[in-house]
Amino acid sequence: MLYHNMKILFLGLIILLLILIWIRMKPHINIMDNNYYSVNRNGKEWPQPAWGQEDDISSFEADNRNRLEHLRVKCQEFKDDKFPPSIPHTAAFYRHWNVTKVFTYKKARLAWCTGPKAGSMSLVALLGNMFGPHQEHLNTIRPQTSYPEYTTTMMTARHPLERLYSGYKQKIVRHAQPAPGYPIDADLSFNQFLDAVANSPVSEVNRHFEPMSYLCNPCFFDYTYILKMETFSRDVEAIIHRLAGKEPTSRHKNKSKGDEFTSIEDLLADVSADTVEKLIDIYYLDYVLFNYDLNETKEILRKKQEKESESW
């Protein structure tokens, strides 16, 4: 009996030893291991993808470099007074030296300028799950010096008219919030809503409809990343991987259900030329700084002006 028990024990020890040898010899990559890093152009160490996301991350990094370079060039033009002086938003931008709302995540050393209807709600939840609760900072003056310990900074951008439409669907249609100049219970069409935004000072418009260039001030605050709603899922997953070395715990859908439209031209089909022209003025910097197609909207305006002049 004793011999039998010793035999079983001996076999168990051999099996355990073989398992330990197999584990030690098995190829294993720990993406959170400090030895498994590369260095980016700024000398900061970044974890490398371990699950076949190289193409997505590389494409995001290439796009982000192009976005930042485009922003640098256009901001220099802005500072050199090469933008049309008649644009009312430009004057407000000159007097505007702060970032209106910043969320900081100490664990990730991340400072993020949030903007309504640019993926902010889903990103708050995702970042909270990954890095814990955030701290909120309002109207931060000179953010470069306010957050020196946060090595990563980011903001999101979205086509201004698509963002207006999404904001209209959520705030005006679903939640019955008032538009400038209208009572809270007004049943507004999208055309009426755009008229209200176009004829109101930027400072009096709901934050959900203020230009992203006004909210995040990208010419006076250096961002590490600019995310775009058109590629939001890819951009977020790439940034989460860079910050945490793993995939995000949830996914984001680029558009909310019921917020889709077929084209900018369809969106502005029944909007007057005067309103379109004023919207171009207000959101001019969003178009130019974030490289959205301003010529498309200008062409729609030109056709409307021709049509309206023919009707006189």
Protein backbone atom coordinates (compact mmCIF):
# COMPACT_ATOMS: atom_id res chain seq x y z
CA MET A 1 0.00 0.00 0.00
CA LEU A 2 2.79 2.38 0.94
CA TYR A 3 4.66 1.47 -2.24
CA HIS A 4 1.54 2.21 -4.31
CA ASN A 5 1.09 5.63 -2.67
CA MET A 6 4.74 6.50 -3.20
CA LYS A 7 4.42 5.54 -6.83
CA ILE A 8 1.42 7.82 -7.32
CA LEU A 9 3.22 10.67 -5.57
CA PHE A 10 6.31 10.17 -7.72
CA LEU A 11 4.25 10.18 -10.92
CA GLY A 12 2.47 13.35 -9.75
CA LEU A 13 5.80 15.07 -9.16
CA ILE A 14 7.01 14.08 -12.63
CA ILE A 15 3.81 15.43 -14.23
CA LEU A 16 4.13 18.72 -12.28
CA LEU A 17 7.76 19.04 -13.33
CA LEU A 18 6.85 18.48 -16.99
CA ILE A 19 4.11 21.13 -16.77
CA LEU A 20 6.54 23.66 -15.26
CA ILE A 21 9.09 22.92 -18.00
CA TRP A 22 6.40 23.35 -20.69
CA ILE A 23 5.26 26.67 -19.25
CA ARG A 24 8.81 28.00 -19.11
CA MET A 25 9.61 26.93 -22.67
CA LYS A 26 6.28 28.06 -24.17
CA PRO A 27 6.58 31.33 -26.18
CA HIS A 28 4.79 34.00 -24.16
CA ILE A 29 4.38 37.71 -24.62
CA ASN A 30 3.07 39.90 -21.86
CA ILE A 31 1.89 43.16 -23.46
CA MET A 32 2.12 44.92 -20.11
CA ASP A 33 5.76 43.85 -19.66
CA ASN A 34 8.04 46.92 -19.68
CA ASN A 35 10.50 45.00 -21.86
CA TYR A 36 7.97 44.70 -24.68
CA TYR A 37 7.94 48.29 -25.90
CA SER A 38 8.98 50.41 -28.83
CA VAL A 39 9.83 54.09 -28.79
CA ASN A 40 7.82 56.66 -30.74
CA ARG A 41 9.15 59.82 -32.36
CA ASN A 42 8.93 61.73 -29.08
CA GLY A 43 10.99 59.17 -27.18
CA LYS A 44 7.96 57.83 -25.29
CA GLU A 45 7.69 54.07 -24.89
CA TRP A 46 4.57 52.50 -26.37
CA PRO A 47 3.41 48.87 -26.12
CA GLN A 48 3.31 46.95 -29.35
CA PRO A 49 0.19 45.15 -30.62
CA ALA A 50 0.02 41.48 -29.70
CA TRP A 51 -3.18 40.41 -31.44
CA GLY A 52 -2.87 41.41 -35.10
CA GLN A 53 -3.92 45.07 -34.84
CA GLU A 54 -0.72 46.38 -36.42
CA ASP A 55 -2.48 47.62 -39.56
CA ASP A 56 -5.19 49.54 -37.68
CA ILE A 57 -2.72 51.12 -35.29
CA SER A 58 -0.31 52.01 -38.08
CA SER A 59 -3.09 53.55 -40.17
CA PHE A 60 -4.27 55.59 -37.19
CA GLU A 61 -0.76 56.82 -36.45
CA ALA A 62 -0.31 57.87 -40.10
CA ASP A 63 -3.68 59.65 -40.11
CA ASN A 64 -2.94 61.31 -36.79
CA ARG A 65 0.40 62.64 -38.05
CA ASN A 66 -1.37 64.09 -41.09
CA ARG A 67 -4.09 65.63 -38.90
CA LEU A 68 -1.56 67.27 -36.60
CA GLU A 69 0.55 68.58 -39.49
CA HIS A 70 -2.54 69.96 -41.24
CA LEU A 71 -3.58 71.61 -37.99
CA ARG A 72 -0.12 73.12 -37.49
CA VAL A 73 -0.13 74.67 -40.98
CA LYS A 74 -3.67 76.05 -40.71
CA CYS A 75 -3.13 77.41 -37.20
CA GLN A 76 -0.07 79.27 -38.46
CA GLU A 77 -2.19 80.76 -41.24
CA PHE A 78 -4.75 81.73 -38.64
CA LYS A 79 -2.11 83.40 -36.48
CA ASP A 80 -0.76 85.20 -39.56
CA ASP A 81 -4.24 86.65 -40.28
CA LYS A 82 -4.66 84.72 -43.53
CA PHE A 83 -8.23 83.73 -42.71
CA PRO A 84 -11.14 85.92 -43.89
CA PRO A 85 -11.48 88.79 -41.37
CA SER A 86 -15.27 88.92 -41.71
CA ILE A 87 -15.84 85.60 -39.94
CA PRO A 88 -17.43 86.33 -36.53
CA HIS A 89 -16.11 83.14 -34.96
CA THR A 90 -12.54 84.13 -35.77
CA ALA A 91 -12.83 87.24 -33.61
CA ALA A 92 -14.18 85.17 -30.74
CA PHE A 93 -11.37 82.68 -31.25
CA TYR A 94 -8.74 85.42 -30.89
CA ARG A 95 -10.13 86.39 -27.48
CA HIS A 96 -10.47 82.79 -26.40
CA TRP A 97 -7.38 81.37 -24.66
CA ASN A 98 -8.82 78.51 -22.68
CA VAL A 99 -10.16 74.98 -23.10
CA THR A 100 -13.75 74.83 -21.92
CA LYS A 101 -13.84 71.33 -20.42
CA VAL A 102 -11.03 68.86 -19.76
CA PHE A 103 -11.28 65.38 -18.24
CA THR A 104 -8.08 64.01 -16.73
CA TYR A 105 -7.29 60.36 -16.01
CA LYS A 106 -4.37 60.14 -13.61
CA LYS A 107 -3.76 56.42 -14.14
CA ALA A 108 -3.31 56.91 -17.89
CA ARG A 109 -1.71 60.37 -17.57
CA LEU A 110 -4.34 61.49 -20.07
CA ALA A 111 -5.94 64.93 -20.50
CA TRP A 112 -8.91 64.92 -22.88
CA CYS A 113 -10.85 67.93 -24.15
CA THR A 114 -14.43 66.73 -24.39
CA GLY A 115 -16.92 67.95 -26.95
CA PRO A 116 -20.63 67.07 -27.05
CA LYS A 117 -21.85 64.96 -29.98
CA ALA A 118 -18.32 63.89 -30.81
CA GLY A 119 -18.26 60.51 -29.11
CA SER A 120 -17.93 61.99 -25.62
CA MET A 121 -20.54 59.95 -23.74
CA SER A 122 -19.39 56.54 -24.92
CA LEU A 123 -15.74 57.51 -24.51
CA VAL A 124 -16.33 58.67 -20.91
CA ALA A 125 -17.75 55.24 -20.08
CA LEU A 126 -14.98 53.37 -21.89
CA LEU A 127 -12.13 55.38 -20.34
CA GLY A 128 -13.76 55.09 -16.92
CA ASN A 129 -13.85 51.31 -17.22
CA MET A 130 -10.22 51.22 -18.29
CA PHE A 131 -8.62 53.87 -16.07
CA GLY A 132 -11.08 54.69 -13.28
CA PRO A 133 -13.01 57.91 -12.63
CA HIS A 134 -11.94 61.19 -14.19
CA GLN A 135 -11.50 64.66 -12.78
CA GLU A 136 -13.36 67.47 -14.53
CA HIS A 137 -11.79 70.88 -15.14
CA LEU A 138 -13.78 73.81 -16.56
CA ASN A 139 -12.37 76.77 -18.52
CA THR A 140 -8.74 75.83 -18.10
CA ILE A 141 -6.45 78.74 -18.89
CA ARG A 142 -3.16 77.89 -20.63
CA PRO A 143 -3.69 74.11 -20.45
CA GLN A 144 -0.07 73.39 -21.51
CA THR A 145 1.12 74.59 -18.11
CA SER A 146 -1.92 73.32 -16.20
CA TYR A 147 -1.39 69.61 -16.91
CA PRO A 148 2.38 69.01 -17.21
CA GLU A 149 2.07 65.56 -15.62
CA TYR A 150 -0.38 64.39 -18.31
CA THR A 151 1.82 63.18 -21.16
CA THR A 152 -1.04 62.35 -23.53
CA THR A 153 -3.61 64.90 -24.68
CA MET A 154 -6.44 64.41 -27.13
CA MET A 155 -9.64 65.83 -28.58
CA THR A 156 -12.29 64.66 -31.03
CA ALA A 157 -13.53 66.26 -34.24
CA ARG A 158 -16.63 65.75 -36.34
CA HIS A 159 -18.06 67.31 -39.50
CA PRO A 160 -19.86 70.40 -38.15
CA LEU A 161 -23.13 69.83 -39.99
CA GLU A 162 -23.28 66.16 -39.06
CA ARG A 163 -22.60 67.16 -35.45
CA LEU A 164 -25.39 69.76 -35.58
CA TYR A 165 -27.81 67.18 -36.95
CA SER A 166 -26.88 64.65 -34.26
CA GLY A 167 -27.24 67.34 -31.58
CA TYR A 168 -30.62 68.37 -32.96
CA LYS A 169 -31.90 64.79 -32.88
CA GLN A 170 -30.76 64.24 -29.30
CA LYS A 171 -31.31 67.59 -27.61
CA ILE A 172 -34.21 69.13 -29.51
CA VAL A 173 -36.21 66.14 -30.74
CA ARG A 174 -35.65 63.55 -27.99
CA HIS A 175 -35.11 65.75 -24.94
CA ALA A 176 -37.06 68.88 -25.94
CA GLN A 177 -34.38 71.35 -24.95
CA PRO A 178 -34.90 74.92 -26.21
CA ALA A 179 -33.06 76.41 -29.17
CA PRO A 180 -32.00 80.10 -29.04
CA GLY A 181 -35.03 82.34 -29.42
CA TYR A 182 -37.58 79.54 -29.02
CA PRO A 183 -39.60 78.38 -26.00
CA ILE A 184 -38.74 75.02 -24.47
CA ASP A 185 -41.90 73.35 -25.83
CA ALA A 186 -41.43 74.51 -29.42
CA ASP A 187 -41.75 71.79 -32.05
CA LEU A 188 -38.79 72.78 -34.22
CA SER A 189 -37.91 71.47 -37.64
CA PHE A 190 -34.23 71.00 -38.44
CA ASN A 191 -34.40 74.07 -40.70
CA GLN A 192 -35.75 76.22 -37.86
CA PHE A 193 -33.11 74.88 -35.54
CA LEU A 194 -30.33 75.79 -37.99
CA ASP A 195 -31.84 79.27 -38.40
CA ALA A 196 -31.72 79.70 -34.62
CA VAL A 197 -28.08 78.59 -34.40
CA ALA A 198 -27.05 80.69 -37.40
CA ASN A 199 -28.55 83.87 -35.98
CA SER A 200 -27.21 83.53 -32.43
CA PRO A 201 -23.83 84.55 -31.00
CA VAL A 202 -21.56 81.58 -30.31
CA SER A 203 -21.59 82.45 -26.60
CA GLU A 204 -25.40 82.07 -26.47
CA VAL A 205 -25.60 78.70 -28.23
CA ASN A 206 -25.93 75.49 -26.24
CA ARG A 207 -22.52 73.90 -25.67
CA HIS A 208 -23.66 70.90 -27.72
CA PHE A 209 -23.69 73.14 -30.80
CA GLU A 210 -20.60 75.28 -30.23
CA PRO A 211 -17.75 74.68 -32.69
CA MET A 212 -15.17 72.13 -31.58
CA SER A 213 -12.46 74.66 -32.44
CA TYR A 214 -14.05 76.99 -29.87
CA LEU A 215 -14.42 74.30 -27.21
CA CYS A 216 -10.93 72.78 -27.49
CA ASN A 217 -8.87 75.67 -28.91
CA PRO A 218 -6.43 73.47 -30.89
CA CYS A 219 -4.29 76.39 -32.08
CA PHE A 220 -3.35 77.25 -28.49
CA PHE A 221 -3.25 73.78 -26.95
CA ASP A 222 -0.93 71.09 -28.32
CA TYR A 223 -2.76 67.79 -28.70
CA THR A 224 -1.08 64.41 -28.98
CA TYR A 225 -4.06 62.91 -30.78
CA ILE A 226 -7.00 64.16 -32.81
CA LEU A 227 -9.74 61.56 -33.08
CA LYS A 228 -12.40 61.79 -35.76
CA MET A 229 -15.91 60.39 -35.68
CA GLU A 230 -15.50 59.05 -39.21
CA THR A 231 -12.88 56.59 -37.91
CA PHE A 232 -13.81 56.71 -34.24
CA SER A 233 -13.84 52.99 -33.43
CA ARG A 234 -10.41 52.48 -34.96
CA ASP A 235 -8.99 55.65 -33.37
CA VAL A 236 -10.26 54.80 -29.89
CA GLU A 237 -9.01 51.21 -29.98
CA ALA A 238 -5.56 52.38 -31.13
CA ILE A 239 -5.31 54.97 -28.36
CA ILE A 240 -6.55 52.58 -25.69
CA HIS A 241 -3.95 50.09 -26.82
CA ARG A 242 -1.24 52.73 -26.61
CA LEU A 243 -2.32 53.80 -23.14
CA ALA A 244 -3.19 50.43 -21.59
CA GLY A 245 -1.56 47.83 -23.81
CA LYS A 246 -4.83 45.97 -24.37
CA GLU A 247 -8.11 46.15 -26.23
CA PRO A 248 -10.89 48.37 -24.87
CA THR A 249 -13.49 46.65 -22.72
CA SER A 250 -16.33 47.78 -25.01
CA ARG A 251 -16.90 49.02 -28.55
CA HIS A 252 -18.26 52.27 -29.94
CA LYS A 253 -20.60 52.57 -32.89
CA ASN A 254 -19.78 55.60 -35.02
CA LYS A 255 -23.38 56.77 -35.36
CA SER A 256 -26.39 56.69 -33.12
CA LYS A 257 -29.49 54.92 -34.34
CA GLY A 258 -31.67 57.31 -36.30
CA ASP A 259 -28.93 59.94 -36.75
CA GLU A 260 -27.94 58.89 -40.27
CA PHE A 261 -28.49 61.00 -43.36
CA THR A 262 -27.51 60.39 -46.95
CA SER A 263 -25.47 63.51 -47.75
CA ILE A 264 -24.71 67.08 -46.71
CA GLU A 265 -26.69 68.28 -49.71
CA ASP A 266 -29.77 66.35 -48.53
CA LEU A 267 -29.26 67.69 -45.04
CA LEU A 268 -29.36 71.28 -46.32
CA ALA A 269 -32.00 70.72 -49.01
CA ASP A 270 -34.60 73.05 -47.47
CA VAL A 271 -32.26 75.45 -45.67
CA SER A 272 -31.98 79.00 -46.99
CA ALA A 273 -28.80 80.35 -48.58
CA ASP A 274 -28.55 83.00 -45.86
CA THR A 275 -28.57 80.37 -43.12
CA VAL A 276 -26.01 78.18 -44.91
CA GLU A 277 -23.71 81.18 -45.37
CA LYS A 278 -23.92 82.06 -41.67
CA LEU A 279 -23.25 78.45 -40.66
CA ILE A 280 -20.13 78.45 -42.84
CA ASP A 281 -18.97 81.58 -41.01
CA ILE A 282 -19.62 80.12 -37.57
CA TYR A 283 -18.07 76.70 -38.24
CA TYR A 284 -15.38 77.91 -40.65
CA LEU A 285 -12.53 76.95 -38.33
CA ASP A 286 -13.97 73.49 -37.73
CA TYR A 287 -13.97 72.95 -41.49
CA VAL A 288 -10.48 74.33 -42.03
CA LEU A 289 -8.58 73.14 -38.95
CA PHE A 290 -9.95 69.59 -39.05
CA ASN A 291 -9.80 69.28 -42.83
CA TYR A 292 -13.48 68.86 -43.64
CA ASP A 293 -14.69 69.60 -47.15
CA LEU A 294 -15.62 73.27 -47.09
CA ASN A 295 -15.86 73.44 -50.88
CA GLU A 296 -18.76 70.97 -50.81
CA THR A 297 -20.78 73.23 -48.52
CA LYS A 298 -19.76 76.34 -50.47
CA GLU A 299 -20.95 74.71 -53.69
CA ILE A 300 -24.32 73.96 -52.05
CA LEU A 301 -24.46 77.62 -50.99
CA ARG A 302 -23.65 78.81 -54.53
CA LYS A 303 -26.45 76.71 -56.03
CA LYS A 304 -28.91 78.02 -53.45
CA GLN A 305 -27.92 81.62 -54.12
CA GLU A 306 -28.36 81.11 -57.87
CA LYS A 307 -31.75 79.50 -57.39
CA GLU A 308 -32.94 82.22 -55.02
CA SER A 309 -31.73 84.99 -57.36
CA GLU A 310 -33.65 83.41 -60.25
CA SER A 311 -36.84 83.47 -58.24
CA TRP A 312 -36.72 87.22 -57.72
